[in-house]
C-alpha atoms as a PDB file:
ATOM      1  CA  MET A   1     -25.589   1.140  -4.991  1.00  0.00           C
ATOM      2  CA  THR A   2     -24.310   1.712  -1.515  1.00  0.00           C
ATOM      3  CA  GLU A   3     -22.179   4.835  -1.051  1.00  0.00           C
ATOM      4  CA  PHE A   4     -19.138   4.605   1.160  1.00  0.00           C
ATOM      5  CA  LYS A   5     -16.861   7.206   2.485  1.00  0.00           C
ATOM      6  CA  ARG A   6     -13.240   6.393   3.499  1.00  0.00           C
ATOM      7  CA  THR A   7     -10.458   8.896   4.824  1.00  0.00           C
ATOM      8  CA  ILE A   8      -6.722   8.255   4.033  1.00  0.00           C
ATOM      9  CA  ILE A   9      -4.391   9.396   6.902  1.00  0.00           C
ATOM     10  CA  ILE A  10      -0.849   9.688   5.918  1.00  0.00           C
ATOM     11  CA  LYS A  11       1.679   9.578   8.532  1.00  0.00           C
ATOM     12  CA  ASP A  12       4.745  10.752   6.431  1.00  0.00           C
ATOM     13  CA  LYS A  13       3.610  12.904   3.416  1.00  0.00           C
ATOM     14  CA  GLU A  14       7.195  13.160   2.146  1.00  0.00           C
ATOM     15  CA  HIS A  15       7.825   9.506   2.068  1.00  0.00           C
ATOM     16  CA  PHE A  16       4.301   8.951   0.557  1.00  0.00           C
ATOM     17  CA  ASN A  17       5.068  11.625  -2.421  1.00  0.00           C
ATOM     18  CA  GLU A  18       8.635  10.020  -2.887  1.00  0.00           C
ATOM     19  CA  ALA A  19       6.873   6.682  -3.213  1.00  0.00           C
ATOM     20  CA  MET A  20       4.404   7.825  -5.528  1.00  0.00           C
ATOM     21  CA  LYS A  21       6.782   9.396  -7.734  1.00  0.00           C
ATOM     22  CA  PHE A  22       9.054   6.339  -7.764  1.00  0.00           C
ATOM     23  CA  SER A  23       5.963   4.201  -8.582  1.00  0.00           C
ATOM     24  CA  HIS A  24       4.796   6.314 -11.296  1.00  0.00           C
ATOM     25  CA  GLU A  25       8.361   6.147 -12.865  1.00  0.00           C
ATOM     26  CA  ASN A  26       9.023   2.614 -12.367  1.00  0.00           C
ATOM     27  CA  ALA A  27       5.829   0.400 -12.173  1.00  0.00           C
ATOM     28  CA  LYS A  28       5.822  -1.783 -15.326  1.00  0.00           C
ATOM     29  CA  GLU A  29       2.220  -2.627 -14.954  1.00  0.00           C
ATOM     30  CA  LYS A  30      -0.606  -0.257 -13.849  1.00  0.00           C
ATOM     31  CA  GLN A  31      -2.056  -3.106 -11.603  1.00  0.00           C
ATOM     32  CA  SER A  32       1.281  -3.365  -9.979  1.00  0.00           C
ATOM     33  CA  SER A  33       1.548   0.125  -9.038  1.00  0.00           C
ATOM     34  CA  LEU A  34       1.408   1.595  -5.499  1.00  0.00           C
ATOM     35  CA  LYS A  35      -1.762   3.745  -6.461  1.00  0.00           C
ATOM     36  CA  ASP A  36      -3.492   0.523  -7.341  1.00  0.00           C
ATOM     37  CA  LYS A  37      -2.665  -1.208  -4.349  1.00  0.00           C
ATOM     38  CA  ILE A  38      -4.071   1.728  -2.188  1.00  0.00           C
ATOM     39  CA  CYS A  39      -7.242   1.635  -4.426  1.00  0.00           C
ATOM     40  CA  GLN A  40      -7.511  -2.071  -3.748  1.00  0.00           C
ATOM     41  CA  LEU A  41      -7.507  -1.681  -0.149  1.00  0.00           C
ATOM     42  CA  LEU A  42      -9.992   1.194  -0.267  1.00  0.00           C
ATOM     43  CA  LEU A  43     -12.389  -0.796  -2.566  1.00  0.00           C
ATOM     44  CA  GLN A  44     -12.183  -4.010  -0.337  1.00  0.00           C
ATOM     45  CA  GLY A  45     -12.250  -1.918   2.785  1.00  0.00           C
ATOM     46  CA  PHE A  46     -13.425  -4.300   5.449  1.00  0.00           C
ATOM     47  CA  ASP A  47     -16.016  -1.953   6.318  1.00  0.00           C
ATOM     48  CA  ALA A  48     -13.427   0.446   7.389  1.00  0.00           C
ATOM     49  CA  ASP A  49     -13.799   4.268   7.524  1.00  0.00           C
ATOM     50  CA  GLU A  50     -10.144   5.286   7.549  1.00  0.00           C
ATOM     51  CA  LEU A  51      -6.726   3.779   5.741  1.00  0.00           C
ATOM     52  CA  VAL A  52      -3.899   4.777   7.656  1.00  0.00           C
ATOM     53  CA  LEU A  53      -0.530   4.643   6.115  1.00  0.00           C
ATOM     54  CA  TYR A  54       2.828   4.459   7.856  1.00  0.00           C
ATOM     55  CA  LYS A  55       6.250   4.516   6.530  1.00  0.00           C
ATOM     56  CA  ASP A  56       7.819   1.056   6.292  1.00  0.00           C
ATOM     57  CA  SER A  57      11.585   0.204   6.471  1.00  0.00           C
ATOM     58  CA  VAL A  58      11.605  -1.233   2.847  1.00  0.00           C
ATOM     59  CA  PRO A  59      12.070   1.712   0.580  1.00  0.00           C
ATOM     60  CA  HIS A  60       8.761   3.280  -1.103  1.00  0.00           C
ATOM     61  CA  SER A  61       6.900   0.838   1.155  1.00  0.00           C
ATOM     62  CA  PHE A  62       4.143   1.363   3.924  1.00  0.00           C
ATOM     63  CA  LYS A  63       2.573  -0.268   6.984  1.00  0.00           C
ATOM     64  CA  PHE A  64      -1.207   0.159   6.858  1.00  0.00           C
ATOM     65  CA  GLU A  65      -4.266  -0.148   9.242  1.00  0.00           C
ATOM     66  CA  LEU A  66      -7.689  -0.153   8.067  1.00  0.00           C
ATOM     67  CA  ARG A  67      -9.920   1.439  11.016  1.00  0.00           C
ATOM     68  CA  ARG A  68     -13.604   1.517  11.760  1.00  0.00           C
ATOM     69  CA  ASN A  69     -14.829   3.840  14.358  1.00  0.00           C
ATOM     70  CA  GLY A  70     -11.054   4.429  15.381  1.00  0.00           C
ATOM     71  CA  ASP A  71     -10.555   0.592  15.831  1.00  0.00           C
ATOM     72  CA  ARG A  72      -8.161  -1.402  13.742  1.00  0.00           C
ATOM     73  CA  VAL A  73      -9.928  -4.156  11.637  1.00  0.00           C
ATOM     74  CA  TYR A  74      -7.382  -5.040   9.422  1.00  0.00           C
ATOM     75  CA  ASN A  75      -3.621  -4.413   8.914  1.00  0.00           C
ATOM     76  CA  GLY A  76      -0.633  -5.347   7.017  1.00  0.00           C
ATOM     77  CA  GLY A  77       1.937  -3.755   4.279  1.00  0.00           C
ATOM     78  CA  ILE A  78       2.219  -2.420   0.804  1.00  0.00           C
ATOM     79  CA  ILE A  79       5.703  -3.516  -0.078  1.00  0.00           C
ATOM     80  CA  CYS A  80       7.690  -2.527  -3.006  1.00  0.00           C
ATOM     81  CA  HIS A  81       9.630  -5.489  -4.803  1.00  0.00           C
ATOM     82  CA  GLY A  82      12.175  -5.411  -7.189  1.00  0.00           C
ATOM     83  CA  GLN A  83      14.682  -3.118  -5.816  1.00  0.00           C
ATOM     84  CA  GLY A  84      17.428  -5.616  -4.880  1.00  0.00           C
ATOM     85  CA  VAL A  85      16.893  -4.908  -1.047  1.00  0.00           C
ATOM     86  CA  GLU A  86      15.522  -7.318   1.559  1.00  0.00           C
ATOM     87  CA  THR A  87      11.837  -6.957   1.897  1.00  0.00           C
ATOM     88  CA  PHE A  88      11.231  -9.590   4.667  1.00  0.00           C
ATOM     89  CA  SER A  89       8.226 -10.741   2.436  1.00  0.00           C
ATOM     90  CA  ILE A  90       7.722 -14.179   1.197  1.00  0.00           C
ATOM     91  CA  GLU A  91       6.290 -14.318  -2.665  1.00  0.00           C
ATOM     92  CA  LEU A  92       5.169 -17.485  -4.186  1.00  0.00           C
ATOM     93  CA  SER A  93       5.286 -15.849  -7.624  1.00  0.00           C
ATOM     94  CA  PRO A  94       7.777 -13.061  -7.646  1.00  0.00           C
ATOM     95  CA  LYS A  95       7.503 -10.732 -10.892  1.00  0.00           C
ATOM     96  CA  GLU A  96      10.323  -8.758 -12.812  1.00  0.00           C
ATOM     97  CA  GLY A  97      10.827  -5.317 -12.265  1.00  0.00           C
ATOM     98  CA  ILE A  98       9.549  -2.918  -9.724  1.00  0.00           C
ATOM     99  CA  TYR A  99       5.926  -3.600  -8.296  1.00  0.00           C
ATOM    100  CA  TRP A 100       3.980  -3.400  -4.999  1.00  0.00           C
ATOM    101  CA  SER A 101       2.087  -6.119  -3.190  1.00  0.00           C
ATOM    102  CA  ILE A 102      -0.469  -6.106  -0.400  1.00  0.00           C
ATOM    103  CA  ASP A 103       1.045  -8.175   2.519  1.00  0.00           C
ATOM    104  CA  THR A 104      -0.867  -9.074   5.356  1.00  0.00           C
END
């Protein structure tokens, strides 16, 4: 089994803590939580050694970059849906309630 190490860099810790609390209190399904989406990015990884999270304009959401040796290899957003606000994200199969998705 190959061991890998990835670092998470959180650019706005207050926003991150508020979003994690909101997710814990509101996500209906574990696989739709903010924590699960962060874990998905870390496991898929794209050979990255860093995951950088930035505050997004959508409440409780993030922009992200996966980096290898300081260079971006993948980017996108972890978007919170179901809040009744515009997410600027297209969904083919929207769900009921509060949930997060990875958008690229």
